[in-house]
N, C-alpha and C. Protein backbone atom coordinates (compact mmCIF):
# COMPACT_ATOMS: atom_id res chain seq x y z
N MET A 1 113.75 -57.15 60.88
CA MET A 1 113.23 -56.35 62.04
C MET A 1 114.30 -56.33 63.15
N ASN A 2 114.73 -54.91 63.48
CA ASN A 2 115.72 -54.93 64.60
C ASN A 2 115.04 -54.83 65.85
N LEU A 3 115.12 -55.77 66.70
CA LEU A 3 114.45 -55.69 67.92
C LEU A 3 115.46 -55.16 69.06
N ASP A 4 115.03 -54.36 69.92
CA ASP A 4 115.99 -53.92 70.78
C ASP A 4 115.52 -54.21 72.41
N PHE A 5 116.00 -55.45 72.97
CA PHE A 5 115.53 -55.82 74.44
C PHE A 5 116.38 -55.11 75.47
N LYS A 6 117.31 -54.24 75.13
CA LYS A 6 118.18 -53.78 76.08
C LYS A 6 117.61 -52.55 76.79
N LYS A 7 116.31 -52.26 76.35
CA LYS A 7 115.78 -51.00 77.04
C LYS A 7 115.03 -51.54 78.30
N PHE A 8 115.14 -52.89 78.40
CA PHE A 8 114.32 -53.35 79.70
C PHE A 8 115.52 -53.93 80.51
N SER A 9 115.35 -53.77 81.79
CA SER A 9 116.30 -54.24 82.83
C SER A 9 116.27 -55.80 82.99
N GLY A 10 117.49 -56.31 83.32
CA GLY A 10 117.58 -57.81 83.45
C GLY A 10 117.66 -58.62 82.00
N THR A 11 118.15 -57.97 81.07
CA THR A 11 118.19 -58.74 79.87
C THR A 11 119.56 -59.29 79.39
N GLY A 12 120.44 -59.60 80.53
CA GLY A 12 121.69 -60.03 80.31
C GLY A 12 121.79 -61.53 80.25
N MET A 13 123.00 -62.08 80.75
CA MET A 13 123.31 -63.55 80.57
C MET A 13 122.22 -64.34 81.24
N THR A 14 121.84 -63.94 82.65
CA THR A 14 120.86 -64.69 83.29
C THR A 14 119.57 -65.19 82.58
N SER A 15 118.97 -64.10 81.83
CA SER A 15 117.76 -64.44 81.17
C SER A 15 118.15 -65.37 79.87
N ASP A 16 119.21 -65.04 79.34
CA ASP A 16 119.80 -65.96 78.21
C ASP A 16 119.80 -67.27 78.54
N SER A 17 120.30 -67.56 79.73
CA SER A 17 120.65 -69.02 80.20
C SER A 17 119.35 -69.73 80.60
N SER A 18 118.41 -68.64 81.23
CA SER A 18 117.11 -69.28 81.64
C SER A 18 116.33 -69.71 80.57
N ARG A 19 116.56 -68.70 79.41
CA ARG A 19 115.56 -68.96 78.24
C ARG A 19 116.10 -70.35 77.70
N ALA A 20 117.46 -70.62 77.66
CA ALA A 20 118.02 -71.88 76.98
C ALA A 20 117.45 -73.00 77.83
N LYS A 21 117.39 -73.01 79.12
CA LYS A 21 116.92 -74.03 79.98
C LYS A 21 115.38 -74.23 79.77
N LEU A 22 114.67 -73.22 79.59
CA LEU A 22 113.16 -73.32 79.34
C LEU A 22 112.95 -74.06 77.98
N VAL A 23 113.87 -73.71 76.94
CA VAL A 23 113.73 -74.34 75.68
C VAL A 23 114.10 -75.89 75.70
N SER A 24 114.91 -76.18 76.62
CA SER A 24 115.31 -77.56 76.84
C SER A 24 114.10 -78.31 77.49
N ILE A 25 113.35 -77.75 78.46
CA ILE A 25 112.32 -78.26 79.17
C ILE A 25 111.12 -78.60 78.07
N LEU A 26 110.88 -77.54 77.28
CA LEU A 26 109.93 -77.58 76.15
C LEU A 26 110.12 -78.73 75.18
N LYS A 27 111.53 -78.95 74.86
CA LYS A 27 111.78 -80.06 73.94
C LYS A 27 111.52 -81.28 74.67
N GLU A 28 111.93 -81.55 75.87
CA GLU A 28 111.67 -82.74 76.71
C GLU A 28 109.92 -83.03 76.77
N GLN A 29 109.33 -82.00 76.75
CA GLN A 29 107.79 -82.07 76.89
C GLN A 29 107.12 -82.18 75.43
N GLY A 30 107.97 -82.41 74.47
CA GLY A 30 107.37 -82.80 73.18
C GLY A 30 107.35 -81.51 72.11
N ILE A 31 107.85 -80.46 72.24
CA ILE A 31 107.85 -79.51 71.29
C ILE A 31 109.00 -79.71 70.42
N LYS A 32 108.56 -79.79 69.05
CA LYS A 32 109.75 -80.24 68.11
C LYS A 32 110.07 -79.17 67.05
N ASN A 33 109.19 -78.09 66.78
CA ASN A 33 109.44 -77.26 65.71
C ASN A 33 110.69 -76.28 66.35
N LYS A 34 111.80 -76.35 65.44
CA LYS A 34 112.73 -75.67 65.61
C LYS A 34 112.57 -73.96 65.64
N LYS A 35 111.65 -73.73 64.57
CA LYS A 35 111.32 -72.14 64.77
C LYS A 35 110.59 -71.69 65.83
N VAL A 36 109.74 -72.41 66.39
CA VAL A 36 109.03 -72.22 67.60
C VAL A 36 109.98 -71.99 68.75
N LEU A 37 110.91 -73.01 68.95
CA LEU A 37 111.88 -73.16 70.05
C LEU A 37 112.74 -72.00 69.79
N ASN A 38 113.25 -71.53 68.59
CA ASN A 38 114.15 -70.34 68.42
C ASN A 38 113.27 -69.20 68.98
N ALA A 39 112.28 -68.98 68.63
CA ALA A 39 111.38 -67.83 69.12
C ALA A 39 111.17 -67.63 70.46
N ILE A 40 110.88 -68.97 71.20
CA ILE A 40 110.83 -68.87 72.55
C ILE A 40 112.38 -68.46 73.32
N ASN A 41 113.31 -68.93 72.57
CA ASN A 41 114.73 -68.58 73.00
C ASN A 41 115.19 -67.14 72.76
N THR A 42 114.43 -66.58 71.79
CA THR A 42 114.73 -65.20 71.38
C THR A 42 113.94 -64.14 72.25
N ILE A 43 112.63 -64.45 72.68
CA ILE A 43 112.00 -63.17 73.27
C ILE A 43 111.97 -63.58 74.61
N PRO A 44 112.54 -62.36 75.41
CA PRO A 44 112.65 -62.54 76.90
C PRO A 44 111.24 -62.42 77.51
N ARG A 45 110.81 -63.51 78.15
CA ARG A 45 109.50 -63.46 78.82
C ARG A 45 109.12 -62.58 79.87
N HIS A 46 110.43 -62.32 80.76
CA HIS A 46 110.26 -61.39 82.10
C HIS A 46 109.94 -60.14 81.53
N ILE A 47 110.06 -59.45 80.45
CA ILE A 47 109.72 -58.16 80.29
C ILE A 47 108.30 -58.03 79.86
N PHE A 48 107.57 -59.00 79.95
CA PHE A 48 106.04 -59.00 79.95
C PHE A 48 105.35 -59.27 81.21
N ILE A 49 106.02 -59.43 82.20
CA ILE A 49 105.45 -59.48 83.55
C ILE A 49 105.98 -58.39 84.57
N ASP A 50 105.31 -58.37 85.61
CA ASP A 50 105.84 -57.36 86.61
C ASP A 50 107.21 -57.74 87.45
N GLU A 51 108.04 -56.75 87.48
CA GLU A 51 109.36 -56.98 88.10
C GLU A 51 109.25 -57.88 89.37
N ALA A 52 108.23 -57.72 90.09
CA ALA A 52 108.11 -58.41 91.42
C ALA A 52 108.08 -59.91 91.27
N ILE A 53 107.67 -60.41 90.09
CA ILE A 53 107.68 -61.87 89.88
C ILE A 53 108.60 -62.34 88.81
N ALA A 54 109.53 -61.41 88.44
CA ALA A 54 110.40 -61.64 87.19
C ALA A 54 111.26 -62.88 87.40
N SER A 55 111.59 -63.18 88.77
CA SER A 55 112.35 -64.40 88.99
C SER A 55 111.65 -65.64 88.47
N LYS A 56 110.45 -65.51 88.42
CA LYS A 56 109.73 -66.71 88.04
C LYS A 56 109.32 -66.77 86.52
N ALA A 57 109.82 -65.88 85.75
CA ALA A 57 109.62 -65.71 84.25
C ALA A 57 109.83 -66.98 83.41
N TYR A 58 110.91 -67.74 83.89
CA TYR A 58 111.22 -68.80 82.98
C TYR A 58 110.97 -70.12 83.58
N ASP A 59 110.04 -70.10 84.66
CA ASP A 59 109.46 -71.13 85.20
C ASP A 59 108.23 -71.66 84.16
N ASN A 60 108.02 -72.89 84.02
CA ASN A 60 107.28 -73.51 83.08
C ASN A 60 105.68 -73.50 83.66
N THR A 61 105.33 -72.07 83.95
CA THR A 61 103.95 -72.06 84.73
C THR A 61 103.37 -70.67 84.16
N ALA A 62 102.15 -70.56 84.32
CA ALA A 62 101.38 -69.42 83.96
C ALA A 62 101.58 -68.39 85.12
N LEU A 63 101.69 -66.95 84.92
CA LEU A 63 101.79 -66.00 85.88
C LEU A 63 100.78 -65.07 85.69
N PRO A 64 100.40 -64.20 86.96
CA PRO A 64 99.56 -63.16 86.88
C PRO A 64 100.02 -61.89 86.41
N ILE A 65 99.24 -61.18 85.48
CA ILE A 65 99.68 -59.88 84.85
C ILE A 65 98.68 -58.81 85.18
N GLY A 66 97.76 -59.09 86.16
CA GLY A 66 96.93 -58.12 86.70
C GLY A 66 95.47 -58.19 86.08
N LYS A 67 94.34 -57.54 86.61
CA LYS A 67 93.01 -57.65 85.96
C LYS A 67 92.50 -59.10 85.91
N SER A 68 93.04 -59.91 86.81
CA SER A 68 92.66 -61.48 86.96
C SER A 68 93.07 -62.14 85.54
N GLN A 69 94.14 -61.68 84.89
CA GLN A 69 94.41 -62.36 83.71
C GLN A 69 95.88 -62.88 83.95
N THR A 70 96.24 -63.77 82.91
CA THR A 70 97.71 -64.40 83.22
C THR A 70 98.46 -64.40 81.89
N ILE A 71 99.65 -64.56 81.95
CA ILE A 71 100.60 -65.05 80.87
C ILE A 71 100.65 -66.32 80.84
N SER A 72 100.44 -66.90 79.73
CA SER A 72 100.02 -68.37 79.51
C SER A 72 101.44 -69.18 79.87
N HIS A 73 101.27 -70.36 80.23
CA HIS A 73 102.26 -71.38 80.40
C HIS A 73 103.10 -71.50 79.25
N PRO A 74 104.39 -71.50 79.54
CA PRO A 74 105.41 -71.51 78.15
C PRO A 74 105.01 -72.64 77.17
N LEU A 75 104.62 -73.92 77.87
CA LEU A 75 104.63 -75.01 77.17
C LEU A 75 103.22 -74.77 76.09
N ILE A 76 102.01 -74.28 76.88
CA ILE A 76 100.88 -74.19 75.99
C ILE A 76 101.12 -72.93 74.89
N VAL A 77 101.93 -71.86 75.29
CA VAL A 77 102.37 -70.89 74.13
C VAL A 77 102.91 -71.72 72.99
N ALA A 78 103.89 -72.55 73.32
CA ALA A 78 104.72 -73.17 72.45
C ALA A 78 103.92 -74.22 71.56
N LYS A 79 102.99 -74.97 72.33
CA LYS A 79 102.26 -75.91 71.67
C LYS A 79 101.19 -75.25 70.70
N MET A 80 100.44 -74.32 71.10
CA MET A 80 99.50 -73.53 70.23
C MET A 80 100.27 -72.96 69.03
N THR A 81 101.32 -72.39 69.21
CA THR A 81 102.23 -71.74 68.16
C THR A 81 102.59 -72.93 67.14
N GLU A 82 103.11 -74.04 67.75
CA GLU A 82 103.46 -75.06 66.78
C GLU A 82 102.34 -75.63 66.10
N ILE A 83 101.19 -75.67 66.56
CA ILE A 83 99.94 -76.14 65.80
C ILE A 83 99.66 -75.24 64.63
N LEU A 84 99.79 -73.88 64.89
CA LEU A 84 99.25 -72.95 63.97
C LEU A 84 100.30 -72.68 62.81
N ILE A 85 101.67 -72.68 63.10
CA ILE A 85 102.51 -72.52 62.12
C ILE A 85 103.08 -73.64 61.19
N SER A 86 102.31 -74.79 61.56
CA SER A 86 102.52 -76.12 60.81
C SER A 86 101.79 -75.85 59.52
N ARG A 87 100.81 -74.95 59.42
CA ARG A 87 100.02 -74.62 58.14
C ARG A 87 100.66 -73.33 57.37
N ASN A 88 101.86 -73.00 57.81
CA ASN A 88 102.52 -71.87 57.12
C ASN A 88 101.77 -70.57 56.97
N PRO A 89 101.02 -70.13 58.03
CA PRO A 89 100.18 -68.84 57.93
C PRO A 89 100.88 -67.79 57.55
N LYS A 90 100.44 -66.58 56.94
CA LYS A 90 100.95 -65.35 56.88
C LYS A 90 100.59 -64.36 57.76
N ARG A 91 99.20 -64.53 57.95
CA ARG A 91 98.45 -63.34 58.70
C ARG A 91 97.60 -64.26 59.87
N ILE A 92 97.87 -63.88 61.15
CA ILE A 92 97.29 -64.24 62.21
C ILE A 92 96.64 -63.26 63.09
N LEU A 93 95.42 -63.66 63.50
CA LEU A 93 94.52 -62.87 64.41
C LEU A 93 94.71 -63.60 65.76
N GLU A 94 94.90 -62.60 66.74
CA GLU A 94 95.05 -63.16 68.13
C GLU A 94 93.89 -62.71 68.91
N ILE A 95 93.05 -63.36 69.60
CA ILE A 95 92.05 -62.83 70.48
C ILE A 95 92.62 -62.96 71.92
N GLY A 96 92.87 -61.85 72.53
CA GLY A 96 93.37 -61.81 73.92
C GLY A 96 94.82 -61.39 73.87
N THR A 97 95.19 -60.11 73.54
CA THR A 97 96.58 -59.63 73.66
C THR A 97 97.20 -59.95 74.89
N GLY A 98 96.66 -59.71 76.02
CA GLY A 98 97.10 -59.97 77.43
C GLY A 98 98.40 -59.30 77.71
N SER A 99 99.49 -59.99 77.99
CA SER A 99 100.69 -59.48 78.28
C SER A 99 101.48 -59.11 77.11
N GLY A 100 101.16 -59.74 75.84
CA GLY A 100 101.79 -59.44 74.51
C GLY A 100 102.84 -60.35 74.26
N TYR A 101 102.95 -61.42 75.19
CA TYR A 101 104.14 -62.34 74.91
C TYR A 101 103.68 -63.20 73.72
N GLN A 102 102.49 -63.89 73.65
CA GLN A 102 102.25 -64.65 72.56
C GLN A 102 102.34 -64.03 71.29
N ALA A 103 101.88 -62.85 71.21
CA ALA A 103 101.91 -62.02 69.89
C ALA A 103 103.41 -61.71 69.52
N ALA A 104 104.15 -61.46 70.44
CA ALA A 104 105.75 -61.38 70.10
C ALA A 104 106.33 -62.62 69.53
N ILE A 105 105.89 -63.78 70.27
CA ILE A 105 106.56 -65.14 69.63
C ILE A 105 106.07 -65.31 68.30
N LEU A 106 104.81 -65.03 67.95
CA LEU A 106 104.24 -65.08 66.66
C LEU A 106 104.85 -64.28 65.68
N SER A 107 105.15 -62.89 66.10
CA SER A 107 105.58 -62.01 65.11
C SER A 107 106.95 -62.50 64.58
N LEU A 108 107.73 -63.32 65.14
CA LEU A 108 108.97 -63.94 64.68
C LEU A 108 108.67 -64.96 63.54
N LEU A 109 107.43 -65.35 63.43
CA LEU A 109 107.22 -66.51 62.68
C LEU A 109 106.34 -66.41 61.51
N VAL A 110 105.56 -65.22 61.39
CA VAL A 110 104.63 -64.92 60.24
C VAL A 110 104.68 -63.53 59.92
N ASP A 111 104.10 -62.97 58.69
CA ASP A 111 104.27 -61.80 58.32
C ASP A 111 103.56 -60.72 59.18
N LYS A 112 102.44 -61.03 59.58
CA LYS A 112 101.57 -59.97 60.25
C LYS A 112 100.76 -60.61 61.37
N VAL A 113 100.75 -59.95 62.58
CA VAL A 113 100.07 -60.58 63.82
C VAL A 113 98.95 -59.41 63.99
N TYR A 114 97.69 -59.72 64.08
CA TYR A 114 96.75 -58.72 64.43
C TYR A 114 96.32 -59.17 65.88
N SER A 115 96.26 -58.38 66.76
CA SER A 115 95.92 -58.71 68.12
C SER A 115 94.87 -57.83 68.73
N ILE A 116 93.78 -58.50 69.50
CA ILE A 116 92.64 -57.75 69.97
C ILE A 116 92.62 -57.93 71.54
N GLU A 117 92.68 -57.07 72.23
CA GLU A 117 92.49 -57.04 73.75
C GLU A 117 91.18 -56.22 74.29
N ARG A 118 90.50 -56.81 75.02
CA ARG A 118 89.35 -56.35 75.64
C ARG A 118 89.42 -55.51 76.80
N ILE A 119 90.57 -55.48 77.49
CA ILE A 119 90.90 -54.85 78.84
C ILE A 119 92.06 -53.74 78.55
N GLU A 120 91.49 -52.48 78.54
CA GLU A 120 92.32 -51.32 77.98
C GLU A 120 93.66 -51.12 78.66
N LEU A 121 93.83 -51.47 79.90
CA LEU A 121 95.06 -51.33 80.68
C LEU A 121 95.96 -52.36 80.06
N LEU A 122 95.62 -53.63 79.73
CA LEU A 122 96.50 -54.43 79.25
C LEU A 122 96.94 -54.18 77.84
N HIS A 123 96.02 -53.68 77.20
CA HIS A 123 96.05 -53.20 75.78
C HIS A 123 97.37 -52.18 75.65
N LYS A 124 97.08 -51.19 76.57
CA LYS A 124 98.11 -50.04 76.49
C LYS A 124 99.42 -50.62 77.08
N LYS A 125 99.45 -51.58 77.95
CA LYS A 125 100.76 -51.96 78.47
C LYS A 125 101.60 -52.86 77.42
N ALA A 126 100.85 -53.66 76.68
CA ALA A 126 101.53 -54.35 75.58
C ALA A 126 101.88 -53.65 74.58
N ASN A 127 101.06 -52.69 74.20
CA ASN A 127 101.57 -51.67 73.04
C ASN A 127 102.91 -50.91 73.50
N THR A 128 103.01 -50.46 74.84
CA THR A 128 104.11 -49.89 75.18
C THR A 128 105.45 -50.76 75.03
N ILE A 129 105.34 -52.05 75.24
CA ILE A 129 106.38 -52.97 75.34
C ILE A 129 106.67 -53.09 73.72
N PHE A 130 105.79 -53.28 72.96
CA PHE A 130 105.92 -53.59 71.55
C PHE A 130 106.60 -52.40 70.94
N ARG A 131 106.32 -51.32 71.19
CA ARG A 131 106.96 -49.96 70.69
C ARG A 131 108.39 -49.98 71.07
N LYS A 132 108.53 -50.11 72.28
CA LYS A 132 109.95 -49.98 72.99
C LYS A 132 110.94 -51.05 72.35
N ILE A 133 110.35 -52.24 72.30
CA ILE A 133 111.33 -53.40 71.47
C ILE A 133 111.52 -53.06 69.93
N GLY A 134 110.48 -52.49 69.41
CA GLY A 134 110.68 -52.24 67.96
C GLY A 134 109.94 -53.21 67.00
N PHE A 135 108.84 -53.81 67.43
CA PHE A 135 108.03 -54.75 66.59
C PHE A 135 107.32 -53.96 65.50
N LYS A 136 107.65 -54.32 64.19
CA LYS A 136 106.82 -53.41 63.16
C LYS A 136 105.75 -54.36 62.55
N ASN A 137 105.48 -55.60 62.93
CA ASN A 137 104.44 -56.31 62.12
C ASN A 137 103.39 -56.90 63.15
N ILE A 138 103.12 -56.14 64.44
CA ILE A 138 102.17 -56.49 65.26
C ILE A 138 101.21 -55.26 65.33
N TYR A 139 99.85 -55.45 65.11
CA TYR A 139 98.73 -54.53 64.98
C TYR A 139 97.74 -54.82 65.92
N THR A 140 97.60 -53.80 66.85
CA THR A 140 96.75 -54.04 67.86
C THR A 140 95.42 -53.24 67.89
N LYS A 141 94.43 -53.76 68.64
CA LYS A 141 93.14 -53.11 68.75
C LYS A 141 92.32 -53.37 70.08
N PHE A 142 91.83 -52.21 70.72
CA PHE A 142 91.15 -52.35 72.04
C PHE A 142 89.71 -52.64 71.53
N SER A 143 89.29 -53.97 71.84
CA SER A 143 87.82 -54.27 71.27
C SER A 143 87.43 -55.43 71.89
N ASP A 144 86.24 -55.85 71.77
CA ASP A 144 85.52 -57.10 72.21
C ASP A 144 86.10 -58.17 71.19
N GLY A 145 87.03 -59.23 71.55
CA GLY A 145 87.57 -60.14 70.80
C GLY A 145 86.59 -61.11 70.20
N ASN A 146 85.42 -61.16 70.81
CA ASN A 146 84.19 -62.15 70.35
C ASN A 146 83.84 -61.83 68.75
N GLU A 147 84.16 -60.41 68.58
CA GLU A 147 83.76 -59.99 67.14
C GLU A 147 84.75 -60.16 66.22
N GLY A 148 86.02 -60.43 66.57
CA GLY A 148 87.09 -60.60 65.63
C GLY A 148 87.59 -59.21 65.11
N TRP A 149 88.14 -59.34 63.78
CA TRP A 149 88.50 -57.86 63.09
C TRP A 149 88.19 -57.97 61.70
N LYS A 150 86.88 -57.98 61.47
CA LYS A 150 86.35 -58.26 60.05
C LYS A 150 87.21 -57.38 59.05
N GLN A 151 87.54 -56.07 59.39
CA GLN A 151 87.98 -55.24 58.39
C GLN A 151 89.40 -55.79 57.80
N LYS A 152 90.00 -56.54 58.55
CA LYS A 152 91.53 -57.23 58.22
C LYS A 152 91.27 -58.59 57.84
N SER A 153 90.19 -59.18 57.97
CA SER A 153 89.89 -60.57 57.55
C SER A 153 89.93 -60.73 55.86
N PRO A 154 90.17 -61.89 55.42
CA PRO A 154 90.33 -63.00 56.18
C PRO A 154 91.62 -63.44 56.63
N PHE A 155 91.72 -64.13 57.68
CA PHE A 155 93.04 -64.56 58.45
C PHE A 155 93.38 -65.98 58.06
N ASP A 156 94.74 -66.33 57.92
CA ASP A 156 95.16 -67.71 57.60
C ASP A 156 94.91 -68.52 58.88
N ALA A 157 95.13 -67.88 60.00
CA ALA A 157 95.01 -68.65 61.28
C ALA A 157 94.52 -67.61 62.55
N ILE A 158 93.74 -68.22 63.37
CA ILE A 158 93.17 -67.28 64.44
C ILE A 158 93.69 -68.13 65.79
N ILE A 159 94.08 -67.43 66.75
CA ILE A 159 94.50 -68.08 68.09
C ILE A 159 93.52 -67.41 69.24
N VAL A 160 93.00 -68.22 69.90
CA VAL A 160 92.05 -67.56 71.06
C VAL A 160 92.72 -67.90 72.26
N THR A 161 92.93 -66.98 73.18
CA THR A 161 93.88 -67.12 74.43
C THR A 161 92.91 -67.25 75.67
N ALA A 162 91.55 -67.54 75.36
CA ALA A 162 90.56 -67.58 76.61
C ALA A 162 89.73 -68.66 76.24
N GLY A 163 89.01 -69.16 77.30
CA GLY A 163 88.12 -70.23 77.12
C GLY A 163 86.71 -69.99 77.05
N ALA A 164 85.96 -70.68 76.10
CA ALA A 164 84.61 -70.40 75.93
C ALA A 164 83.84 -71.67 75.64
N SER A 165 82.53 -71.74 75.77
CA SER A 165 81.79 -72.92 75.51
C SER A 165 81.63 -73.43 74.21
N GLU A 166 81.74 -72.46 73.49
CA GLU A 166 82.05 -72.63 71.81
C GLU A 166 82.68 -71.37 71.23
N VAL A 167 83.36 -71.68 70.12
CA VAL A 167 84.13 -70.60 69.45
C VAL A 167 83.16 -69.76 68.77
N PRO A 168 83.18 -68.55 68.95
CA PRO A 168 82.22 -67.53 68.14
C PRO A 168 82.13 -67.69 66.67
N SER A 169 81.04 -67.73 66.06
CA SER A 169 80.86 -68.11 64.67
C SER A 169 81.55 -66.96 63.86
N SER A 170 81.68 -65.88 64.42
CA SER A 170 82.05 -64.65 63.76
C SER A 170 83.60 -64.96 63.45
N LEU A 171 84.41 -65.55 64.32
CA LEU A 171 85.63 -65.84 64.08
C LEU A 171 85.95 -66.92 63.04
N ILE A 172 85.20 -68.01 63.01
CA ILE A 172 85.36 -68.99 61.92
C ILE A 172 85.14 -68.33 60.57
N ASP A 173 84.18 -67.49 60.55
CA ASP A 173 83.72 -66.65 59.34
C ASP A 173 84.88 -65.84 58.89
N GLN A 174 85.81 -65.40 59.68
CA GLN A 174 86.81 -64.57 59.39
C GLN A 174 88.10 -65.44 59.03
N LEU A 175 88.14 -66.71 59.03
CA LEU A 175 89.02 -67.62 58.50
C LEU A 175 89.09 -67.58 57.03
N THR A 176 90.30 -67.71 56.38
CA THR A 176 90.44 -67.98 54.96
C THR A 176 89.69 -69.23 54.60
N SER A 177 89.13 -69.31 53.48
CA SER A 177 88.42 -70.42 53.09
C SER A 177 89.15 -71.67 52.79
N ARG A 178 90.46 -71.46 52.52
CA ARG A 178 91.39 -72.53 52.25
C ARG A 178 92.44 -72.75 53.26
N ASN A 179 92.48 -73.88 53.86
CA ASN A 179 93.24 -74.28 54.95
C ASN A 179 93.54 -73.26 56.08
N GLY A 180 92.29 -72.68 56.25
CA GLY A 180 92.27 -71.68 57.69
C GLY A 180 92.33 -72.69 58.80
N VAL A 181 92.94 -72.25 59.90
CA VAL A 181 92.93 -72.90 61.19
C VAL A 181 92.79 -72.02 62.40
N LEU A 182 91.85 -72.37 63.10
CA LEU A 182 91.72 -71.59 64.48
C LEU A 182 92.10 -72.71 65.68
N ILE A 183 92.58 -72.00 66.61
CA ILE A 183 92.82 -72.84 67.80
C ILE A 183 92.42 -72.15 69.06
N SER A 184 91.82 -72.81 70.01
CA SER A 184 91.18 -72.29 71.03
C SER A 184 90.95 -73.32 72.26
N PRO A 185 90.91 -72.72 73.39
CA PRO A 185 90.44 -73.44 74.51
C PRO A 185 88.84 -73.62 74.49
N VAL A 186 88.26 -74.66 74.59
CA VAL A 186 86.83 -74.84 74.65
C VAL A 186 86.41 -75.57 75.81
N GLU A 187 85.35 -75.11 76.52
CA GLU A 187 84.82 -75.78 77.79
C GLU A 187 83.80 -76.93 77.25
N LYS A 188 83.91 -77.97 78.05
CA LYS A 188 82.77 -78.98 77.85
C LYS A 188 82.92 -79.90 79.22
N ASN A 189 81.78 -80.21 79.76
CA ASN A 189 81.57 -80.80 80.93
C ASN A 189 82.62 -80.66 81.96
N GLY A 190 82.73 -79.22 82.09
CA GLY A 190 83.47 -78.62 83.21
C GLY A 190 84.92 -78.57 83.01
N LYS A 191 85.33 -78.98 81.89
CA LYS A 191 86.88 -78.91 81.67
C LYS A 191 87.00 -78.19 80.36
N GLN A 192 88.30 -77.69 80.16
CA GLN A 192 88.78 -77.02 79.06
C GLN A 192 89.53 -77.78 78.07
N TYR A 193 89.27 -77.93 76.83
CA TYR A 193 90.07 -78.70 75.95
C TYR A 193 90.58 -77.78 74.92
N LEU A 194 91.97 -77.97 74.56
CA LEU A 194 92.53 -77.16 73.46
C LEU A 194 92.06 -77.89 72.13
N LYS A 195 91.37 -77.04 71.35
CA LYS A 195 90.68 -77.62 70.11
C LYS A 195 91.24 -76.71 68.80
N SER A 196 91.58 -77.46 67.81
CA SER A 196 91.87 -76.74 66.56
C SER A 196 90.71 -77.00 65.59
N ILE A 197 90.43 -75.96 64.89
CA ILE A 197 89.29 -76.01 63.80
C ILE A 197 89.78 -75.64 62.63
N GLU A 198 89.82 -76.50 61.54
CA GLU A 198 90.36 -76.43 60.21
C GLU A 198 89.04 -76.04 59.32
N LYS A 199 89.38 -75.32 58.47
CA LYS A 199 88.15 -74.69 57.40
C LYS A 199 88.85 -74.92 56.01
N ASN A 200 88.11 -75.69 55.21
CA ASN A 200 88.39 -75.89 53.74
C ASN A 200 86.98 -75.63 53.05
N ASP A 201 86.77 -74.51 52.45
CA ASP A 201 85.50 -74.17 51.82
C ASP A 201 84.39 -74.35 52.89
N THR A 202 83.52 -75.22 52.52
CA THR A 202 82.46 -75.46 53.62
C THR A 202 82.58 -76.71 54.50
N ILE A 203 83.82 -77.20 54.56
CA ILE A 203 84.21 -78.40 55.25
C ILE A 203 84.82 -77.93 56.46
N ILE A 204 84.32 -78.15 57.60
CA ILE A 204 84.91 -77.92 59.02
C ILE A 204 85.31 -79.08 59.81
N THR A 205 86.67 -79.26 60.01
CA THR A 205 86.98 -80.39 60.80
C THR A 205 87.64 -79.88 62.23
N GLU A 206 87.58 -80.67 63.15
CA GLU A 206 87.97 -80.36 64.43
C GLU A 206 88.81 -81.37 65.13
N LYS A 207 89.86 -81.01 66.06
CA LYS A 207 90.72 -81.93 66.77
C LYS A 207 91.07 -81.34 67.99
N VAL A 208 91.08 -82.28 68.96
CA VAL A 208 91.27 -81.96 70.27
C VAL A 208 92.78 -82.17 70.61
N HIS A 209 93.49 -81.38 71.39
CA HIS A 209 94.99 -81.55 71.90
C HIS A 209 95.25 -81.66 73.22
N GLY A 210 94.26 -81.97 74.03
CA GLY A 210 94.34 -82.12 75.35
C GLY A 210 93.72 -81.17 76.45
N VAL A 211 93.87 -81.32 77.56
CA VAL A 211 93.22 -80.48 78.56
C VAL A 211 94.22 -79.27 78.87
N VAL A 212 93.37 -78.10 79.04
CA VAL A 212 94.12 -76.81 79.37
C VAL A 212 93.44 -75.94 80.42
N ASN A 213 93.91 -75.01 80.89
CA ASN A 213 93.35 -74.20 81.91
C ASN A 213 93.43 -72.55 81.43
N PHE A 214 92.59 -71.97 80.86
CA PHE A 214 92.74 -70.52 80.48
C PHE A 214 91.65 -69.77 81.33
N VAL A 215 91.67 -68.46 81.12
CA VAL A 215 90.68 -67.69 81.76
C VAL A 215 89.69 -67.51 80.89
N PRO A 216 88.30 -67.20 81.25
CA PRO A 216 87.21 -67.19 80.40
C PRO A 216 87.15 -66.12 79.35
N LEU A 217 86.61 -66.45 78.18
CA LEU A 217 86.56 -65.43 77.13
C LEU A 217 85.12 -64.62 77.50
N LEU A 218 85.39 -63.45 77.64
CA LEU A 218 84.17 -62.64 78.11
C LEU A 218 83.91 -61.69 77.10
N GLN A 219 82.65 -61.13 77.10
CA GLN A 219 82.27 -60.11 76.05
C GLN A 219 82.37 -58.75 76.67
N GLY A 220 82.39 -57.67 75.57
CA GLY A 220 82.52 -56.26 75.96
C GLY A 220 83.83 -55.90 76.31
N THR A 221 84.09 -54.68 76.83
CA THR A 221 85.38 -54.16 77.08
C THR A 221 85.38 -53.56 78.53
N GLU A 222 86.56 -53.25 79.00
CA GLU A 222 86.69 -52.72 80.37
C GLU A 222 88.00 -52.01 80.39
N LYS A 223 88.12 -51.06 81.42
CA LYS A 223 89.27 -50.12 81.35
C LYS A 223 90.42 -50.98 82.24
């Protein structure tokens, strides 16, 4: 896949060195998977946010992308990605395209990324970026993510980038029945916890990976 980042401004040495610094920070904070770190080092985060805050693109923090949504904290992106790809998935479903950054990272690590966004403006903006860069293995849909993408299921892995009180059963149903894994923020007692759910035939196992802070998982669509 030939990716072209030169169509975006500010993709020179400054962002190269900034990405390398970010990768060092992620290593210090426990990210070990070399493929994940290489993907973070390859994808310029600043092209997924507004130019007005581009100077903060390589800070280890979440940033606004409009419509009360955010581009996730790089450590969280790396952590969720590391958990998912440890199972060697080929096909991943993402609920909440947002800026498109998480899908771009995943696209370097798996065969196909299917991504759903409920806000039409963000869906269109992310698609524009994907086309300009030249991603060939990201497939997007403007829809309510709670419903998943049944026509393309089953998926080896599902990543949910918004918090809910419980993971929609429709998403668990769309996981492959052998070694399928879903990762999502889940709310409990006023806090959000990053939870992975593994599916093997009829056996479902869960694991918590710490406290996180995501925007809420909403139903329906909006412009």
